[in-house]
């Protein structure tokens, strides 16, 4: 089952907390993957789990929120992007794929959904023959959308990046946090894109798509998780 959650907007700390809550506190009993598209109630950037706050903070406007993700990757601007999160429980096969393989498959679904509306999109090819077999991250921890990495979604004509993502795996499963540059797809019907993209993901997972209400997390767990992502201890560590 792929549970399609309703879209909602929140602060950077709440968005990052709820992505992790969906991975760790939802869907396990039903072996359900989840998908959600969400917005931002404040100007915000996020950055990867392993990045250094002193290195990242000067690269982000001072009036923008900056929150560390639970996933890897680089700095991402959420000022004009289309943001999504996908969780896949451990029991599903996509969760057990190598990072490069799952990254490639999800980004192919994005490229296919863009192509349905006439937006040309392709994946950055692997420069050799071992990318899918290697345990290498699809992103170097820098600034995303500056230089595309393998299997990012790009425009075939000029190589400019359309979409990238970061991943986290733990005992609960796989979390994919993705960002699509709206300016790279002018005129796109984003409602239709979401419908098409989710259908592609459901086919990839071999799952039935189901629209569901937003889950109610235990109040204390929700409050503590949001507080963690808002804290200096979480965000400002080196």
C-alpha atoms as a PDB file:
ATOM      1  CA  UNK A   1       0.000   0.000   0.000  1.00  0.00           C
ATOM      2  CA  UNK A   2       1.145   3.566  -0.772  1.00  0.00           C
ATOM      3  CA  UNK A   3      -0.625   6.079   1.441  1.00  0.00           C
ATOM      4  CA  UNK A   4      -0.980   9.461  -0.284  1.00  0.00           C
ATOM      5  CA  UNK A   5      -1.205  12.134   2.386  1.00  0.00           C
ATOM      6  CA  UNK A   6      -2.811  15.567   1.913  1.00  0.00           C
ATOM      7  CA  UNK A   7      -0.558  18.548   1.225  1.00  0.00           C
ATOM      8  CA  UNK A   8       0.108  20.996   4.042  1.00  0.00           C
ATOM      9  CA  UNK A   9       2.522  23.816   4.859  1.00  0.00           C
ATOM     10  CA  UNK A  10       4.543  24.235   8.033  1.00  0.00           C
ATOM     11  CA  UNK A  11       7.767  25.662   9.404  1.00  0.00           C
ATOM     12  CA  UNK A  12      11.101  24.114   8.475  1.00  0.00           C
ATOM     13  CA  UNK A  13      11.457  22.412  11.867  1.00  0.00           C
ATOM     14  CA  UNK A  14       7.950  20.950  11.701  1.00  0.00           C
ATOM     15  CA  UNK A  15       8.388  19.748   8.111  1.00  0.00           C
ATOM     16  CA  UNK A  16      11.647  17.968   8.911  1.00  0.00           C
ATOM     17  CA  UNK A  17      10.231  16.505  12.127  1.00  0.00           C
ATOM     18  CA  UNK A  18       7.112  15.168  10.434  1.00  0.00           C
ATOM     19  CA  UNK A  19       9.112  13.513   7.656  1.00  0.00           C
ATOM     20  CA  UNK A  20      11.029  11.594  10.309  1.00  0.00           C
ATOM     21  CA  UNK A  21       7.849  10.823  12.260  1.00  0.00           C
ATOM     22  CA  UNK A  22       6.310   9.327   9.131  1.00  0.00           C
ATOM     23  CA  UNK A  23       9.340   7.065   8.771  1.00  0.00           C
ATOM     24  CA  UNK A  24       9.538   5.978  12.390  1.00  0.00           C
ATOM     25  CA  UNK A  25       5.974   6.181  13.713  1.00  0.00           C
ATOM     26  CA  UNK A  26       3.596   5.431  10.856  1.00  0.00           C
ATOM     27  CA  UNK A  27       2.699   2.632   8.464  1.00  0.00           C
ATOM     28  CA  UNK A  28       4.642  -0.243  10.010  1.00  0.00           C
ATOM     29  CA  UNK A  29       1.603  -2.311  10.982  1.00  0.00           C
ATOM     30  CA  UNK A  30       0.131  -2.066   7.482  1.00  0.00           C
ATOM     31  CA  UNK A  31       3.520  -2.285   5.744  1.00  0.00           C
ATOM     32  CA  UNK A  32       2.523   0.980   4.059  1.00  0.00           C
ATOM     33  CA  UNK A  33       4.759   3.413   2.221  1.00  0.00           C
ATOM     34  CA  UNK A  34       3.786   7.086   2.440  1.00  0.00           C
ATOM     35  CA  UNK A  35       4.029  10.038   0.072  1.00  0.00           C
ATOM     36  CA  UNK A  36       3.446  13.678   0.788  1.00  0.00           C
ATOM     37  CA  UNK A  37       3.999  16.975  -0.989  1.00  0.00           C
ATOM     38  CA  UNK A  38       4.346  19.945   1.335  1.00  0.00           C
ATOM     39  CA  UNK A  39       4.917  23.682   1.458  1.00  0.00           C
ATOM     40  CA  UNK A  40       6.781  26.104   3.701  1.00  0.00           C
ATOM     41  CA  UNK A  41       5.216  28.680   6.022  1.00  0.00           C
ATOM     42  CA  UNK A  42       8.496  30.610   6.187  1.00  0.00           C
ATOM     43  CA  UNK A  43      11.470  31.260   3.884  1.00  0.00           C
ATOM     44  CA  UNK A  44      13.654  28.239   4.539  1.00  0.00           C
ATOM     45  CA  UNK A  45      16.687  26.204   3.595  1.00  0.00           C
ATOM     46  CA  UNK A  46      17.621  22.723   4.807  1.00  0.00           C
ATOM     47  CA  UNK A  47      21.013  21.041   4.901  1.00  0.00           C
ATOM     48  CA  UNK A  48      22.388  17.526   5.175  1.00  0.00           C
ATOM     49  CA  UNK A  49      22.897  15.514   8.336  1.00  0.00           C
ATOM     50  CA  UNK A  50      26.706  15.415   8.034  1.00  0.00           C
ATOM     51  CA  UNK A  51      27.259  19.055   7.061  1.00  0.00           C
ATOM     52  CA  UNK A  52      28.882  21.640   9.319  1.00  0.00           C
ATOM     53  CA  UNK A  53      26.755  24.551  10.529  1.00  0.00           C
ATOM     54  CA  UNK A  54      29.670  27.061  10.425  1.00  0.00           C
ATOM     55  CA  UNK A  55      30.291  26.131   6.795  1.00  0.00           C
ATOM     56  CA  UNK A  56      26.628  26.257   5.767  1.00  0.00           C
ATOM     57  CA  UNK A  57      25.182  29.238   7.664  1.00  0.00           C
ATOM     58  CA  UNK A  58      27.128  31.925   5.707  1.00  0.00           C
ATOM     59  CA  UNK A  59      25.789  30.536   2.420  1.00  0.00           C
ATOM     60  CA  UNK A  60      22.140  31.065   3.426  1.00  0.00           C
ATOM     61  CA  UNK A  61      20.374  34.449   3.723  1.00  0.00           C
ATOM     62  CA  UNK A  62      20.251  35.594   7.338  1.00  0.00           C
ATOM     63  CA  UNK A  63      16.480  36.082   7.242  1.00  0.00           C
ATOM     64  CA  UNK A  64      15.826  32.470   6.210  1.00  0.00           C
ATOM     65  CA  UNK A  65      15.314  29.547   8.549  1.00  0.00           C
ATOM     66  CA  UNK A  66      18.026  26.889   8.296  1.00  0.00           C
ATOM     67  CA  UNK A  67      17.326  23.382   9.609  1.00  0.00           C
ATOM     68  CA  UNK A  68      19.403  20.215   9.492  1.00  0.00           C
ATOM     69  CA  UNK A  69      17.655  17.269   7.840  1.00  0.00           C
ATOM     70  CA  UNK A  70      17.727  13.717   9.143  1.00  0.00           C
ATOM     71  CA  UNK A  71      18.869  12.709   5.656  1.00  0.00           C
ATOM     72  CA  UNK A  72      22.148  13.404   3.868  1.00  0.00           C
ATOM     73  CA  UNK A  73      22.852  15.569   0.848  1.00  0.00           C
ATOM     74  CA  UNK A  74      23.660  19.245   0.607  1.00  0.00           C
ATOM     75  CA  UNK A  75      22.076  22.642   1.136  1.00  0.00           C
ATOM     76  CA  UNK A  76      18.630  23.001  -0.475  1.00  0.00           C
ATOM     77  CA  UNK A  77      16.663  26.211  -0.992  1.00  0.00           C
ATOM     78  CA  UNK A  78      12.942  25.817  -0.433  1.00  0.00           C
ATOM     79  CA  UNK A  79      12.103  29.342  -1.564  1.00  0.00           C
ATOM     80  CA  UNK A  80      10.695  28.270  -4.951  1.00  0.00           C
ATOM     81  CA  UNK A  81      10.788  24.472  -4.999  1.00  0.00           C
ATOM     82  CA  UNK A  82       8.226  21.655  -5.021  1.00  0.00           C
ATOM     83  CA  UNK A  83       9.072  19.499  -2.019  1.00  0.00           C
ATOM     84  CA  UNK A  84       8.089  15.912  -1.299  1.00  0.00           C
ATOM     85  CA  UNK A  85       8.868  13.080   1.074  1.00  0.00           C
ATOM     86  CA  UNK A  86       8.553   9.337   0.502  1.00  0.00           C
ATOM     87  CA  UNK A  87       8.875   6.718   3.211  1.00  0.00           C
ATOM     88  CA  UNK A  88       9.264   3.030   2.436  1.00  0.00           C
ATOM     89  CA  UNK A  89       9.062   0.423   5.225  1.00  0.00           C
ATOM     90  CA  UNK A  90      11.943  -1.973   5.665  1.00  0.00           C
ATOM     91  CA  UNK A  91       9.933  -4.960   4.458  1.00  0.00           C
ATOM     92  CA  UNK A  92       9.522  -3.483   0.962  1.00  0.00           C
ATOM     93  CA  UNK A  93      12.246  -4.320  -1.542  1.00  0.00           C
ATOM     94  CA  UNK A  94      13.010  -0.728  -2.597  1.00  0.00           C
ATOM     95  CA  UNK A  95      14.199  -0.035   0.936  1.00  0.00           C
ATOM     96  CA  UNK A  96      16.849  -2.730   0.624  1.00  0.00           C
ATOM     97  CA  UNK A  97      18.209  -1.502  -2.716  1.00  0.00           C
ATOM     98  CA  UNK A  98      21.561   0.259  -2.778  1.00  0.00           C
ATOM     99  CA  UNK A  99      21.246   4.015  -2.371  1.00  0.00           C
ATOM    100  CA  UNK A 100      22.175   4.703  -5.975  1.00  0.00           C
ATOM    101  CA  UNK A 101      19.632   2.188  -7.262  1.00  0.00           C
ATOM    102  CA  UNK A 102      16.689   3.536  -5.246  1.00  0.00           C
ATOM    103  CA  UNK A 103      17.747   7.078  -6.131  1.00  0.00           C
ATOM    104  CA  UNK A 104      17.795   6.210  -9.833  1.00  0.00           C
ATOM    105  CA  UNK A 105      14.396   4.516  -9.773  1.00  0.00           C
ATOM    106  CA  UNK A 106      12.655   7.353  -7.929  1.00  0.00           C
ATOM    107  CA  UNK A 107      14.193   9.990 -10.176  1.00  0.00           C
ATOM    108  CA  UNK A 108      13.186   8.047 -13.265  1.00  0.00           C
ATOM    109  CA  UNK A 109       9.614   8.250 -11.961  1.00  0.00           C
ATOM    110  CA  UNK A 110       9.995  12.041 -11.730  1.00  0.00           C
ATOM    111  CA  UNK A 111      11.431  12.273 -15.238  1.00  0.00           C
ATOM    112  CA  UNK A 112       8.602  10.136 -16.616  1.00  0.00           C
ATOM    113  CA  UNK A 113       5.968  12.272 -14.851  1.00  0.00           C
ATOM    114  CA  UNK A 114       7.503  15.451 -16.277  1.00  0.00           C
ATOM    115  CA  UNK A 115       7.640  13.949 -19.761  1.00  0.00           C
ATOM    116  CA  UNK A 116       3.885  13.238 -19.643  1.00  0.00           C
ATOM    117  CA  UNK A 117       3.366  17.016 -19.712  1.00  0.00           C
ATOM    118  CA  UNK A 118       5.961  17.625 -22.406  1.00  0.00           C
ATOM    119  CA  UNK A 119       8.803  18.716 -20.106  1.00  0.00           C
ATOM    120  CA  UNK A 120      12.011  17.161 -21.386  1.00  0.00           C
ATOM    121  CA  UNK A 121      13.861  15.446 -18.547  1.00  0.00           C
ATOM    122  CA  UNK A 122      16.656  12.904 -18.259  1.00  0.00           C
ATOM    123  CA  UNK A 123      18.891  11.386 -15.591  1.00  0.00           C
ATOM    124  CA  UNK A 124      22.556  12.235 -15.291  1.00  0.00           C
ATOM    125  CA  UNK A 125      24.213   9.005 -16.477  1.00  0.00           C
ATOM    126  CA  UNK A 126      26.726   7.043 -14.476  1.00  0.00           C
ATOM    127  CA  UNK A 127      30.213   7.823 -15.809  1.00  0.00           C
ATOM    128  CA  UNK A 128      31.265   4.178 -15.532  1.00  0.00           C
ATOM    129  CA  UNK A 129      29.760   0.741 -15.105  1.00  0.00           C
ATOM    130  CA  UNK A 130      29.801   0.393 -11.334  1.00  0.00           C
ATOM    131  CA  UNK A 131      27.469   3.119 -10.019  1.00  0.00           C
ATOM    132  CA  UNK A 132      24.565   0.806  -9.223  1.00  0.00           C
ATOM    133  CA  UNK A 133      26.862  -1.663  -7.483  1.00  0.00           C
ATOM    134  CA  UNK A 134      28.791   0.854  -5.408  1.00  0.00           C
ATOM    135  CA  UNK A 135      27.897   2.152  -1.975  1.00  0.00           C
ATOM    136  CA  UNK A 136      28.408   5.769  -2.927  1.00  0.00           C
ATOM    137  CA  UNK A 137      26.136   8.693  -2.059  1.00  0.00           C
ATOM    138  CA  UNK A 138      24.349  10.331  -4.981  1.00  0.00           C
ATOM    139  CA  UNK A 139      25.288  13.764  -3.631  1.00  0.00           C
ATOM    140  CA  UNK A 140      28.461  15.301  -2.352  1.00  0.00           C
ATOM    141  CA  UNK A 141      27.632  17.383   0.735  1.00  0.00           C
ATOM    142  CA  UNK A 142      27.721  20.790  -0.926  1.00  0.00           C
ATOM    143  CA  UNK A 143      25.075  23.121  -2.318  1.00  0.00           C
ATOM    144  CA  UNK A 144      22.405  21.200  -4.202  1.00  0.00           C
ATOM    145  CA  UNK A 145      21.249  22.418  -7.623  1.00  0.00           C
ATOM    146  CA  UNK A 146      24.673  23.887  -8.396  1.00  0.00           C
ATOM    147  CA  UNK A 147      26.283  20.843 -10.020  1.00  0.00           C
ATOM    148  CA  UNK A 148      24.151  17.788 -10.822  1.00  0.00           C
ATOM    149  CA  UNK A 149      25.319  14.404  -9.566  1.00  0.00           C
ATOM    150  CA  UNK A 150      24.662  10.951 -11.028  1.00  0.00           C
ATOM    151  CA  UNK A 151      20.972  10.135 -11.485  1.00  0.00           C
ATOM    152  CA  UNK A 152      19.796  13.677 -10.727  1.00  0.00           C
ATOM    153  CA  UNK A 153      16.995  14.811 -13.048  1.00  0.00           C
ATOM    154  CA  UNK A 154      18.258  17.397 -15.540  1.00  0.00           C
ATOM    155  CA  UNK A 155      17.227  19.181 -18.714  1.00  0.00           C
ATOM    156  CA  UNK A 156      18.709  17.237 -21.642  1.00  0.00           C
ATOM    157  CA  UNK A 157      19.450  20.383 -23.665  1.00  0.00           C
ATOM    158  CA  UNK A 158      21.664  22.246 -21.211  1.00  0.00           C
ATOM    159  CA  UNK A 159      22.176  19.855 -18.275  1.00  0.00           C
ATOM    160  CA  UNK A 160      20.583  22.189 -15.733  1.00  0.00           C
ATOM    161  CA  UNK A 161      19.271  20.374 -12.682  1.00  0.00           C
ATOM    162  CA  UNK A 162      15.545  19.855 -12.240  1.00  0.00           C
ATOM    163  CA  UNK A 163      15.354  17.523  -9.234  1.00  0.00           C
ATOM    164  CA  UNK A 164      17.500  16.064  -6.492  1.00  0.00           C
ATOM    165  CA  UNK A 165      16.925  14.181  -3.255  1.00  0.00           C
ATOM    166  CA  UNK A 166      18.510  12.953  -0.051  1.00  0.00           C
ATOM    167  CA  UNK A 167      18.008   9.614   1.685  1.00  0.00           C
ATOM    168  CA  UNK A 168      18.017   8.184   5.175  1.00  0.00           C
ATOM    169  CA  UNK A 169      17.883   4.509   6.064  1.00  0.00           C
ATOM    170  CA  UNK A 170      17.409   3.029   9.512  1.00  0.00           C
ATOM    171  CA  UNK A 171      15.730   0.001  11.068  1.00  0.00           C
ATOM    172  CA  UNK A 172      12.310   1.456  10.226  1.00  0.00           C
ATOM    173  CA  UNK A 173      12.930   1.812   6.507  1.00  0.00           C
ATOM    174  CA  UNK A 174      13.848   4.431   3.907  1.00  0.00           C
ATOM    175  CA  UNK A 175      13.126   8.164   3.904  1.00  0.00           C
ATOM    176  CA  UNK A 176      13.565  10.114   0.662  1.00  0.00           C
ATOM    177  CA  UNK A 177      13.352  13.906   0.875  1.00  0.00           C
ATOM    178  CA  UNK A 178      13.186  15.447  -2.582  1.00  0.00           C
ATOM    179  CA  UNK A 179      13.147  18.883  -4.170  1.00  0.00           C
ATOM    180  CA  UNK A 180      12.097  19.900  -7.675  1.00  0.00           C
ATOM    181  CA  UNK A 181      13.008  23.324  -9.091  1.00  0.00           C
ATOM    182  CA  UNK A 182       9.755  24.906 -10.250  1.00  0.00           C
ATOM    183  CA  UNK A 183      11.538  27.317 -12.593  1.00  0.00           C
ATOM    184  CA  UNK A 184      12.908  24.385 -14.569  1.00  0.00           C
ATOM    185  CA  UNK A 185       9.364  23.357 -15.549  1.00  0.00           C
ATOM    186  CA  UNK A 186       7.496  26.574 -16.412  1.00  0.00           C
ATOM    187  CA  UNK A 187       3.805  26.117 -17.064  1.00  0.00           C
ATOM    188  CA  UNK A 188       3.693  22.672 -15.473  1.00  0.00           C
ATOM    189  CA  UNK A 189       0.385  21.598 -13.949  1.00  0.00           C
ATOM    190  CA  UNK A 190       1.721  20.627 -10.541  1.00  0.00           C
ATOM    191  CA  UNK A 191      -1.521  18.972  -9.438  1.00  0.00           C
ATOM    192  CA  UNK A 192      -1.384  16.686 -12.463  1.00  0.00           C
ATOM    193  CA  UNK A 193       2.333  16.145 -11.900  1.00  0.00           C
ATOM    194  CA  UNK A 194       1.723  14.957  -8.338  1.00  0.00           C
ATOM    195  CA  UNK A 195      -0.990  12.576  -9.496  1.00  0.00           C
ATOM    196  CA  UNK A 196       1.259  11.157 -12.217  1.00  0.00           C
ATOM    197  CA  UNK A 197       4.350  10.956 -10.008  1.00  0.00           C
ATOM    198  CA  UNK A 198       2.505   9.124  -7.239  1.00  0.00           C
ATOM    199  CA  UNK A 199       1.062   6.670  -9.772  1.00  0.00           C
ATOM    200  CA  UNK A 200       4.617   6.031 -11.013  1.00  0.00           C
ATOM    201  CA  UNK A 201       5.791   5.420  -7.437  1.00  0.00           C
ATOM    202  CA  UNK A 202       2.917   3.056  -6.741  1.00  0.00           C
ATOM    203  CA  UNK A 203       3.876   1.026  -9.827  1.00  0.00           C
ATOM    204  CA  UNK A 204       7.520   1.049  -8.731  1.00  0.00           C
ATOM    205  CA  UNK A 205       6.563  -0.273  -5.295  1.00  0.00           C
ATOM    206  CA  UNK A 206       4.019  -2.727  -6.666  1.00  0.00           C
ATOM    207  CA  UNK A 207       1.523  -1.090  -4.337  1.00  0.00           C
ATOM    208  CA  UNK A 208      -2.002   0.255  -4.480  1.00  0.00           C
ATOM    209  CA  UNK A 209      -2.293   4.011  -3.983  1.00  0.00           C
ATOM    210  CA  UNK A 210      -4.712   5.154  -1.286  1.00  0.00           C
ATOM    211  CA  UNK A 211      -5.561   8.717  -0.293  1.00  0.00           C
ATOM    212  CA  UNK A 212      -5.551   8.958   3.509  1.00  0.00           C
ATOM    213  CA  UNK A 213      -6.077  11.605   6.165  1.00  0.00           C
ATOM    214  CA  UNK A 214      -3.128  13.168   7.928  1.00  0.00           C
ATOM    215  CA  UNK A 215      -2.007  10.870  10.770  1.00  0.00           C
ATOM    216  CA  UNK A 216      -2.314  11.932  14.384  1.00  0.00           C
ATOM    217  CA  UNK A 217       1.002  11.349  16.142  1.00  0.00           C
ATOM    218  CA  UNK A 218       1.229  11.029  19.925  1.00  0.00           C
ATOM    219  CA  UNK A 219       1.373  14.608  21.187  1.00  0.00           C
ATOM    220  CA  UNK A 220       4.500  14.166  23.306  1.00  0.00           C
ATOM    221  CA  UNK A 221       6.453  12.438  20.516  1.00  0.00           C
ATOM    222  CA  UNK A 222       5.438  15.114  18.011  1.00  0.00           C
ATOM    223  CA  UNK A 223       6.378  17.938  20.379  1.00  0.00           C
ATOM    224  CA  UNK A 224       9.751  16.420  21.262  1.00  0.00           C
ATOM    225  CA  UNK A 225      10.649  15.701  17.631  1.00  0.00           C
ATOM    226  CA  UNK A 226       9.803  19.229  16.486  1.00  0.00           C
ATOM    227  CA  UNK A 227      11.778  20.655  19.427  1.00  0.00           C
ATOM    228  CA  UNK A 228      14.799  18.590  18.404  1.00  0.00           C
ATOM    229  CA  UNK A 229      14.784  19.918  14.830  1.00  0.00           C
ATOM    230  CA  UNK A 230      14.353  23.476  16.131  1.00  0.00           C
ATOM    231  CA  UNK A 231      17.183  23.190  18.665  1.00  0.00           C
ATOM    232  CA  UNK A 232      20.673  24.659  18.450  1.00  0.00           C
ATOM    233  CA  UNK A 233      22.072  21.328  19.630  1.00  0.00           C
ATOM    234  CA  UNK A 234      20.704  19.633  16.510  1.00  0.00           C
ATOM    235  CA  UNK A 235      21.307  22.366  13.956  1.00  0.00           C
ATOM    236  CA  UNK A 236      24.526  24.058  15.029  1.00  0.00           C
ATOM    237  CA  UNK A 237      26.762  21.116  15.695  1.00  0.00           C
ATOM    238  CA  UNK A 238      29.904  20.936  13.577  1.00  0.00           C
END
